[in-house]
Amino acid sequence: MRYKDIKGMKFGRLIVVEYYGADKHKNALWECQCDCGNTSIAKTHNLMKGATRSCGCLQKEKATKHLLDISTTHGLSKDSKGKNTRLFRIWMGIKNRCSNSNLREYPKYGGRGIKICDKWLNDYKAFHDWSIQNGYSEKLSIDRIDNDGNYEPSNCRWVDEKTQANNRSSSKIYEINGVKRTLAEWVKEYNCSYPTVYERLKRGWSLQKALTKGVN
């Protein structure tokens, strides 16, 4: 029987050692040495097209990693009774408000361009770890410092209900020389950092000074 000689060639983790024979469909079979030390038998076309790249150890490693990833996320997202934790529900709520156009809240969030950052979008653990490191508790809610900004570490914090209410877009109106605008609009016009200006106002600075004084 004629067959393509691939002895000595390497495919993924496998080095072809010698011709092993043919299967019942007359497909050439090869004995291969895997990088992990095991040997296996593989068909020519499976090796050539990349369908077989190891003795099976590669698939086992991927499966183990997948299970570990699931276990890690599950351990953070579920309580002792197997229910989603409050923090996990908050994360899901943020994602939905920013992306699910069928939600009633969507027009106030995703509908006006507010997004959840890539770091948090598909990684609950990243959001969880940031939250724990930044004062999360069951009594606090997540708040965007700039109400026109995205959900991202530099624009979010955990606050009580009173603080969050005071930071709503509808209540943040400031006046300069007879012109009334939201704080976010003033910050954008003066090209300032919203968190910096916000903290200055909390310390009693005038809006004009908070917007114009340089940062050391």
Protein backbone atom coordinates (compact mmCIF):
# COMPACT_ATOMS: atom_id res chain seq x y z
CA MET A 1 0.00 0.00 0.00
CA ARG A 2 1.29 3.45 -0.87
CA TYR A 3 1.28 6.11 1.83
CA LYS A 4 2.92 9.47 2.53
CA ASP A 5 6.04 8.93 4.63
CA ILE A 6 5.92 11.35 7.57
CA LYS A 7 8.42 9.54 9.81
CA GLY A 8 10.49 11.98 11.83
CA MET A 9 8.07 14.87 11.38
CA LYS A 10 6.59 16.68 14.39
CA PHE A 11 2.95 17.67 14.79
CA GLY A 12 2.12 19.66 17.90
CA ARG A 13 3.58 17.64 20.75
CA LEU A 14 3.97 14.46 18.68
CA ILE A 15 7.03 13.18 16.85
CA VAL A 16 6.28 10.42 14.32
CA VAL A 17 8.43 7.40 15.19
CA GLU A 18 7.45 4.72 12.68
CA TYR A 19 4.75 3.35 10.42
CA TYR A 20 2.27 1.26 12.41
CA GLY A 21 0.06 -0.15 9.69
CA ALA A 22 -3.41 0.73 8.40
CA ASP A 23 -6.91 0.66 9.81
CA LYS A 24 -9.89 -1.10 8.23
CA HIS A 25 -10.46 1.91 5.96
CA LYS A 26 -6.84 1.70 4.76
CA ASN A 27 -5.84 4.90 6.55
CA ALA A 28 -2.15 4.92 7.42
CA LEU A 29 -1.40 4.73 11.13
CA TRP A 30 1.73 6.01 12.86
CA GLU A 31 3.31 5.38 16.22
CA CYS A 32 4.10 8.76 17.79
CA GLN A 33 6.15 9.89 20.77
CA CYS A 34 4.57 12.70 22.79
CA ASP A 35 6.53 15.43 24.57
CA CYS A 36 5.04 14.21 27.85
CA GLY A 37 6.72 10.79 27.35
CA ASN A 38 3.69 8.73 26.31
CA THR A 39 3.26 7.04 22.94
CA SER A 40 0.13 6.97 20.83
CA ILE A 41 -1.16 5.90 17.44
CA ALA A 42 -2.48 8.50 15.03
CA LYS A 43 -3.78 8.67 11.47
CA THR A 44 -1.89 10.56 8.79
CA HIS A 45 -4.70 12.93 7.91
CA ASN A 46 -5.42 13.72 11.58
CA LEU A 47 -1.81 14.67 12.11
CA MET A 48 -1.57 16.66 8.90
CA LYS A 49 -4.70 18.74 9.52
CA GLY A 50 -3.91 19.34 13.21
CA ALA A 51 -6.75 17.27 14.64
CA THR A 52 -4.27 15.18 16.65
CA ARG A 53 -1.56 17.19 18.39
CA SER A 54 -0.78 15.11 21.46
CA CYS A 55 -1.32 11.73 23.06
CA GLY A 56 -4.35 13.22 24.79
CA CYS A 57 -2.46 15.15 27.46
CA LEU A 58 -3.16 18.50 25.79
CA GLN A 59 -6.91 17.98 25.95
CA LYS A 60 -6.66 16.87 29.59
CA GLU A 61 -4.71 20.00 30.49
CA LYS A 62 -7.28 22.23 28.79
CA ALA A 63 -10.14 20.42 30.50
CA THR A 64 -8.45 20.73 33.90
CA LYS A 65 -7.84 24.45 33.41
CA HIS A 66 -11.47 24.95 32.34
CA LEU A 67 -12.71 23.16 35.45
CA LEU A 68 -10.41 25.22 37.66
CA ASP A 69 -11.66 28.43 36.06
CA ILE A 70 -15.27 27.38 36.60
CA SER A 71 -14.51 26.35 40.16
CA THR A 72 -12.82 29.65 40.95
CA THR A 73 -15.67 31.73 39.55
CA HIS A 74 -18.31 29.48 41.11
CA GLY A 75 -16.64 29.74 44.50
CA LEU A 76 -16.83 33.52 44.35
CA SER A 77 -20.29 33.84 42.85
CA LYS A 78 -22.24 31.37 45.02
CA ASP A 79 -23.03 31.44 48.72
CA SER A 80 -23.09 28.42 51.04
CA LYS A 81 -26.61 27.58 49.85
CA GLY A 82 -25.63 27.61 46.18
CA LYS A 83 -27.39 30.90 45.43
CA ASN A 84 -25.82 33.82 43.58
CA THR A 85 -24.16 36.27 45.96
CA ARG A 86 -25.27 39.90 46.14
CA LEU A 87 -22.01 41.05 44.56
CA PHE A 88 -22.43 38.65 41.65
CA ARG A 89 -26.00 39.89 41.10
CA ILE A 90 -24.74 43.48 41.07
CA TRP A 91 -22.13 42.57 38.43
CA MET A 92 -24.77 40.87 36.29
CA GLY A 93 -27.05 43.88 36.71
CA ILE A 94 -24.34 46.24 35.47
CA LYS A 95 -23.70 44.08 32.42
CA ASN A 96 -27.40 43.85 31.62
CA ARG A 97 -28.07 47.58 32.04
CA CYS A 98 -25.25 48.33 29.62
CA SER A 99 -26.02 45.72 26.97
CA ASN A 100 -29.59 44.39 27.15
CA SER A 101 -31.81 46.75 25.15
CA ASN A 102 -34.90 44.88 26.38
CA LEU A 103 -34.43 46.10 29.94
CA ARG A 104 -36.41 49.08 31.22
CA GLU A 105 -33.22 50.61 32.64
CA TYR A 106 -31.25 50.29 29.39
CA PRO A 107 -32.07 53.80 28.00
CA LYS A 108 -30.44 55.35 31.10
CA TYR A 109 -27.27 53.30 30.70
CA GLY A 110 -26.34 51.43 27.54
CA GLY A 111 -28.83 53.53 25.60
CA ARG A 112 -26.80 56.66 26.26
CA GLY A 113 -23.41 55.09 25.69
CA ILE A 114 -22.45 53.90 29.16
CA LYS A 115 -20.42 50.69 29.06
CA ILE A 116 -18.74 48.25 31.40
CA CYS A 117 -14.97 48.16 30.90
CA ASP A 118 -13.31 45.20 29.18
CA LYS A 119 -11.51 44.29 32.41
CA TRP A 120 -14.82 43.54 34.13
CA LEU A 121 -17.04 42.59 31.20
CA ASN A 122 -16.23 38.87 31.04
CA ASP A 123 -14.27 38.44 34.26
CA TYR A 124 -16.33 38.39 37.42
CA LYS A 125 -13.26 37.61 39.51
CA ALA A 126 -11.64 40.90 38.40
CA PHE A 127 -14.77 42.81 39.46
CA HIS A 128 -15.02 40.82 42.70
CA ASP A 129 -11.38 41.45 43.66
CA TRP A 130 -11.62 45.18 42.88
CA SER A 131 -14.78 45.44 44.97
CA ILE A 132 -13.29 43.71 48.01
CA GLN A 133 -10.15 45.85 47.80
CA ASN A 134 -12.23 49.03 47.56
CA GLY A 135 -14.49 48.73 50.57
CA TYR A 136 -17.44 46.63 49.37
CA SER A 137 -19.97 45.67 52.02
CA GLU A 138 -23.53 44.40 51.99
CA LYS A 139 -24.75 47.86 53.03
CA LEU A 140 -23.16 49.74 50.11
CA SER A 141 -24.06 50.16 46.44
CA ILE A 142 -21.84 50.74 43.43
CA ASP A 143 -21.74 54.34 42.24
CA ARG A 144 -20.20 55.99 39.18
CA ILE A 145 -18.38 59.16 40.22
CA ASP A 146 -19.03 60.66 36.79
CA ASN A 147 -22.63 59.81 35.94
CA ASP A 148 -21.81 60.11 32.25
CA GLY A 149 -18.80 57.80 32.57
CA ASN A 150 -18.44 54.06 32.25
CA TYR A 151 -18.36 51.31 34.82
CA GLU A 152 -14.60 51.01 35.35
CA PRO A 153 -12.23 51.03 38.35
CA SER A 154 -11.27 54.69 38.02
CA ASN A 155 -14.92 55.84 37.90
CA CYS A 156 -16.58 53.57 40.45
CA ARG A 157 -16.79 53.35 44.22
CA TRP A 158 -18.92 51.73 46.92
CA VAL A 159 -21.14 54.23 48.75
CA ASP A 160 -24.16 54.43 51.02
CA GLU A 161 -27.61 55.35 49.74
CA LYS A 162 -27.35 59.02 50.72
CA THR A 163 -24.09 59.56 48.84
CA GLN A 164 -25.40 57.81 45.78
CA ALA A 165 -28.58 59.90 45.78
CA ASN A 166 -26.53 63.09 46.00
CA ASN A 167 -24.53 62.02 42.95
CA ARG A 168 -27.46 61.46 40.61
CA SER A 169 -27.29 63.36 37.34
CA SER A 170 -30.51 65.25 38.12
CA SER A 171 -29.07 66.79 41.29
CA LYS A 172 -25.63 67.77 39.97
CA ILE A 173 -26.33 71.22 38.55
CA TYR A 174 -23.71 73.96 38.94
CA GLU A 175 -23.73 77.57 37.81
CA ILE A 176 -20.90 79.78 36.52
CA ASN A 177 -21.65 83.32 35.37
CA GLY A 178 -25.33 82.53 34.96
CA VAL A 179 -24.72 79.34 32.96
CA LYS A 180 -26.14 76.17 34.51
CA ARG A 181 -24.72 72.78 33.66
CA THR A 182 -24.12 69.40 35.24
CA LEU A 183 -20.77 68.86 36.86
CA ALA A 184 -19.90 66.36 34.15
CA GLU A 185 -20.52 69.00 31.48
CA TRP A 186 -18.34 71.57 33.26
CA VAL A 187 -15.54 69.03 33.72
CA LYS A 188 -15.69 68.16 30.03
CA GLU A 189 -15.57 71.83 28.99
CA TYR A 190 -12.57 72.57 31.20
CA ASN A 191 -10.90 69.24 30.32
CA CYS A 192 -10.49 68.25 33.97
CA SER A 193 -10.52 65.04 35.95
CA TYR A 194 -14.03 64.43 37.30
CA PRO A 195 -12.83 62.63 40.48
CA THR A 196 -10.38 65.45 41.24
CA VAL A 197 -12.99 68.20 40.82
CA TYR A 198 -15.58 66.21 42.75
CA GLU A 199 -13.24 65.72 45.72
CA ARG A 200 -12.30 69.41 45.68
CA LEU A 201 -15.97 70.40 45.87
CA LYS A 202 -16.46 68.04 48.79
CA ARG A 203 -13.63 69.88 50.58
CA GLY A 204 -15.46 73.18 50.10
CA TRP A 205 -13.72 74.59 47.04
CA SER A 206 -15.63 76.88 44.70
CA LEU A 207 -16.50 75.34 41.36
CA GLN A 208 -14.36 77.89 39.50
CA LYS A 209 -11.32 77.10 41.62
CA ALA A 210 -11.93 73.35 41.46
CA LEU A 211 -12.03 73.48 37.66
CA THR A 212 -9.09 75.80 37.07
CA LYS A 213 -6.46 75.12 39.73
CA GLY A 214 -3.66 72.88 38.46
CA VAL A 215 -2.82 69.50 39.97
CA ASN A 216 0.49 69.21 41.80
